[in-house]
């Protein structure tokens, strides 16, 4: 794994979710954004694996750090497939999209 060029902020997501789940309506809203959170998590993981900062990804994509920040924040922005493809290329990945049938009961 390449050495990271930035220092990630320590975050215990399980603790955060346990505390947040106590707030009224949180669980329903969080569950409604499950796919967005999965995509954001994959983006952050890919960027970290590539050892890149948001500034570096922005430069590779020809955009701004604030645009990358919006892309990586679940639920606040719905990026196009073209934008996701550019992001994937910038962090050394390829974008794959799948439609998975619901499991029948």
C-alpha atoms as a PDB file:
ATOM      1  CA  UNK A   1       0.000   0.000   0.000  1.00  0.00           C
ATOM      2  CA  UNK A   2       1.452   3.397  -0.942  1.00  0.00           C
ATOM      3  CA  UNK A   3       2.342   5.823   1.820  1.00  0.00           C
ATOM      4  CA  UNK A   4      -0.479   8.309   2.412  1.00  0.00           C
ATOM      5  CA  UNK A   5       0.312  11.911   1.590  1.00  0.00           C
ATOM      6  CA  UNK A   6      -2.287  13.161   4.035  1.00  0.00           C
ATOM      7  CA  UNK A   7      -3.247  12.325   7.592  1.00  0.00           C
ATOM      8  CA  UNK A   8      -6.764  10.873   7.859  1.00  0.00           C
ATOM      9  CA  UNK A   9      -8.935  12.102  10.699  1.00  0.00           C
ATOM     10  CA  UNK A  10      -9.595   9.280  13.154  1.00  0.00           C
ATOM     11  CA  UNK A  11     -13.256   8.354  13.177  1.00  0.00           C
ATOM     12  CA  UNK A  12     -14.996   5.437  14.831  1.00  0.00           C
ATOM     13  CA  UNK A  13     -18.018   5.007  12.604  1.00  0.00           C
ATOM     14  CA  UNK A  14     -19.655   2.355  14.796  1.00  0.00           C
ATOM     15  CA  UNK A  15     -19.563   4.679  17.806  1.00  0.00           C
ATOM     16  CA  UNK A  16     -20.866   7.552  15.706  1.00  0.00           C
ATOM     17  CA  UNK A  17     -23.789   5.465  14.418  1.00  0.00           C
ATOM     18  CA  UNK A  18     -24.649   4.141  17.877  1.00  0.00           C
ATOM     19  CA  UNK A  19     -24.833   7.688  19.241  1.00  0.00           C
ATOM     20  CA  UNK A  20     -26.677   9.083  16.222  1.00  0.00           C
ATOM     21  CA  UNK A  21     -29.205   6.210  16.172  1.00  0.00           C
ATOM     22  CA  UNK A  22     -30.614   7.538  19.437  1.00  0.00           C
ATOM     23  CA  UNK A  23     -31.872  10.657  17.659  1.00  0.00           C
ATOM     24  CA  UNK A  24     -35.454  10.547  16.445  1.00  0.00           C
ATOM     25  CA  UNK A  25     -35.748   9.777  12.722  1.00  0.00           C
ATOM     26  CA  UNK A  26     -32.046   9.133  12.210  1.00  0.00           C
ATOM     27  CA  UNK A  27     -32.283   5.406  11.426  1.00  0.00           C
ATOM     28  CA  UNK A  28     -34.970   5.912   8.779  1.00  0.00           C
ATOM     29  CA  UNK A  29     -33.063   8.715   7.068  1.00  0.00           C
ATOM     30  CA  UNK A  30     -29.759   6.841   7.255  1.00  0.00           C
ATOM     31  CA  UNK A  31     -31.298   3.700   5.760  1.00  0.00           C
ATOM     32  CA  UNK A  32     -32.841   5.756   2.937  1.00  0.00           C
ATOM     33  CA  UNK A  33     -29.335   6.922   1.977  1.00  0.00           C
ATOM     34  CA  UNK A  34     -27.655   3.497   2.180  1.00  0.00           C
ATOM     35  CA  UNK A  35     -26.548   3.420  -1.477  1.00  0.00           C
ATOM     36  CA  UNK A  36     -25.187   6.974  -1.313  1.00  0.00           C
ATOM     37  CA  UNK A  37     -23.181   6.089   1.808  1.00  0.00           C
ATOM     38  CA  UNK A  38     -21.815   2.965   0.132  1.00  0.00           C
ATOM     39  CA  UNK A  39     -20.660   4.955  -2.900  1.00  0.00           C
ATOM     40  CA  UNK A  40     -19.122   7.688  -0.728  1.00  0.00           C
ATOM     41  CA  UNK A  41     -17.305   5.057   1.345  1.00  0.00           C
ATOM     42  CA  UNK A  42     -15.935   3.390  -1.793  1.00  0.00           C
ATOM     43  CA  UNK A  43     -14.751   6.758  -3.115  1.00  0.00           C
ATOM     44  CA  UNK A  44     -12.970   7.609   0.130  1.00  0.00           C
ATOM     45  CA  UNK A  45     -11.398   4.154   0.294  1.00  0.00           C
ATOM     46  CA  UNK A  46     -10.165   4.378  -3.316  1.00  0.00           C
ATOM     47  CA  UNK A  47      -8.696   7.855  -2.757  1.00  0.00           C
ATOM     48  CA  UNK A  48      -6.929   6.724   0.426  1.00  0.00           C
ATOM     49  CA  UNK A  49      -5.618   3.597  -1.332  1.00  0.00           C
ATOM     50  CA  UNK A  50      -4.226   5.842  -4.078  1.00  0.00           C
ATOM     51  CA  UNK A  51      -2.604   8.071  -1.440  1.00  0.00           C
ATOM     52  CA  UNK A  52      -4.232  11.186  -2.853  1.00  0.00           C
ATOM     53  CA  UNK A  53      -5.619  14.324  -1.263  1.00  0.00           C
ATOM     54  CA  UNK A  54      -8.833  15.970  -2.422  1.00  0.00           C
ATOM     55  CA  UNK A  55      -6.648  18.658  -4.011  1.00  0.00           C
ATOM     56  CA  UNK A  56      -4.756  16.038  -6.037  1.00  0.00           C
ATOM     57  CA  UNK A  57      -7.960  14.358  -7.236  1.00  0.00           C
ATOM     58  CA  UNK A  58      -9.416  17.757  -8.126  1.00  0.00           C
ATOM     59  CA  UNK A  59      -6.326  18.613 -10.179  1.00  0.00           C
ATOM     60  CA  UNK A  60      -6.516  15.300 -12.037  1.00  0.00           C
ATOM     61  CA  UNK A  61     -10.215  15.872 -12.770  1.00  0.00           C
ATOM     62  CA  UNK A  62      -9.828  19.538 -13.696  1.00  0.00           C
ATOM     63  CA  UNK A  63     -12.093  20.729 -10.890  1.00  0.00           C
ATOM     64  CA  UNK A  64     -11.868  22.171  -7.380  1.00  0.00           C
ATOM     65  CA  UNK A  65     -11.256  20.645  -3.966  1.00  0.00           C
ATOM     66  CA  UNK A  66     -14.717  21.800  -2.868  1.00  0.00           C
ATOM     67  CA  UNK A  67     -16.278  19.908  -5.783  1.00  0.00           C
ATOM     68  CA  UNK A  68     -14.457  16.740  -4.667  1.00  0.00           C
ATOM     69  CA  UNK A  69     -15.627  17.319  -1.107  1.00  0.00           C
ATOM     70  CA  UNK A  70     -19.232  17.511  -2.343  1.00  0.00           C
ATOM     71  CA  UNK A  71     -18.778  14.323  -4.389  1.00  0.00           C
ATOM     72  CA  UNK A  72     -17.484  12.456  -1.357  1.00  0.00           C
ATOM     73  CA  UNK A  73     -20.291  13.552   0.972  1.00  0.00           C
ATOM     74  CA  UNK A  74     -23.209  11.125   0.898  1.00  0.00           C
ATOM     75  CA  UNK A  75     -26.692  12.484   0.412  1.00  0.00           C
ATOM     76  CA  UNK A  76     -25.679  16.041  -0.413  1.00  0.00           C
ATOM     77  CA  UNK A  77     -24.897  15.600  -4.090  1.00  0.00           C
ATOM     78  CA  UNK A  78     -25.955  13.086  -6.731  1.00  0.00           C
ATOM     79  CA  UNK A  79     -23.040  12.876  -9.185  1.00  0.00           C
ATOM     80  CA  UNK A  80     -23.560  11.809 -12.777  1.00  0.00           C
ATOM     81  CA  UNK A  81     -22.072   8.592 -14.105  1.00  0.00           C
ATOM     82  CA  UNK A  82     -19.675  10.688 -16.187  1.00  0.00           C
ATOM     83  CA  UNK A  83     -18.407  12.414 -13.047  1.00  0.00           C
ATOM     84  CA  UNK A  84     -18.056   9.109 -11.201  1.00  0.00           C
ATOM     85  CA  UNK A  85     -16.070   7.726 -14.158  1.00  0.00           C
ATOM     86  CA  UNK A  86     -13.718  10.737 -14.037  1.00  0.00           C
ATOM     87  CA  UNK A  87     -13.285  10.310 -10.279  1.00  0.00           C
ATOM     88  CA  UNK A  88     -12.580   6.589 -10.672  1.00  0.00           C
ATOM     89  CA  UNK A  89      -9.965   7.290 -13.333  1.00  0.00           C
ATOM     90  CA  UNK A  90      -8.370  10.009 -11.168  1.00  0.00           C
ATOM     91  CA  UNK A  91      -7.888   7.546  -8.277  1.00  0.00           C
ATOM     92  CA  UNK A  92      -6.691   4.683 -10.477  1.00  0.00           C
ATOM     93  CA  UNK A  93      -9.916   2.699 -10.606  1.00  0.00           C
ATOM     94  CA  UNK A  94     -12.611   1.775 -13.070  1.00  0.00           C
ATOM     95  CA  UNK A  95     -16.288   2.397 -12.415  1.00  0.00           C
ATOM     96  CA  UNK A  96     -18.593  -0.609 -12.393  1.00  0.00           C
ATOM     97  CA  UNK A  97     -22.356  -0.268 -12.000  1.00  0.00           C
ATOM     98  CA  UNK A  98     -24.623  -3.233 -11.348  1.00  0.00           C
ATOM     99  CA  UNK A  99     -28.360  -3.697 -11.069  1.00  0.00           C
ATOM    100  CA  UNK A 100     -29.031  -6.562  -8.690  1.00  0.00           C
ATOM    101  CA  UNK A 101     -32.485  -8.175  -8.550  1.00  0.00           C
ATOM    102  CA  UNK A 102     -34.260  -8.062  -5.197  1.00  0.00           C
ATOM    103  CA  UNK A 103     -34.223 -11.343  -3.326  1.00  0.00           C
ATOM    104  CA  UNK A 104     -37.659 -12.873  -3.512  1.00  0.00           C
ATOM    105  CA  UNK A 105     -39.239 -13.744  -0.184  1.00  0.00           C
END
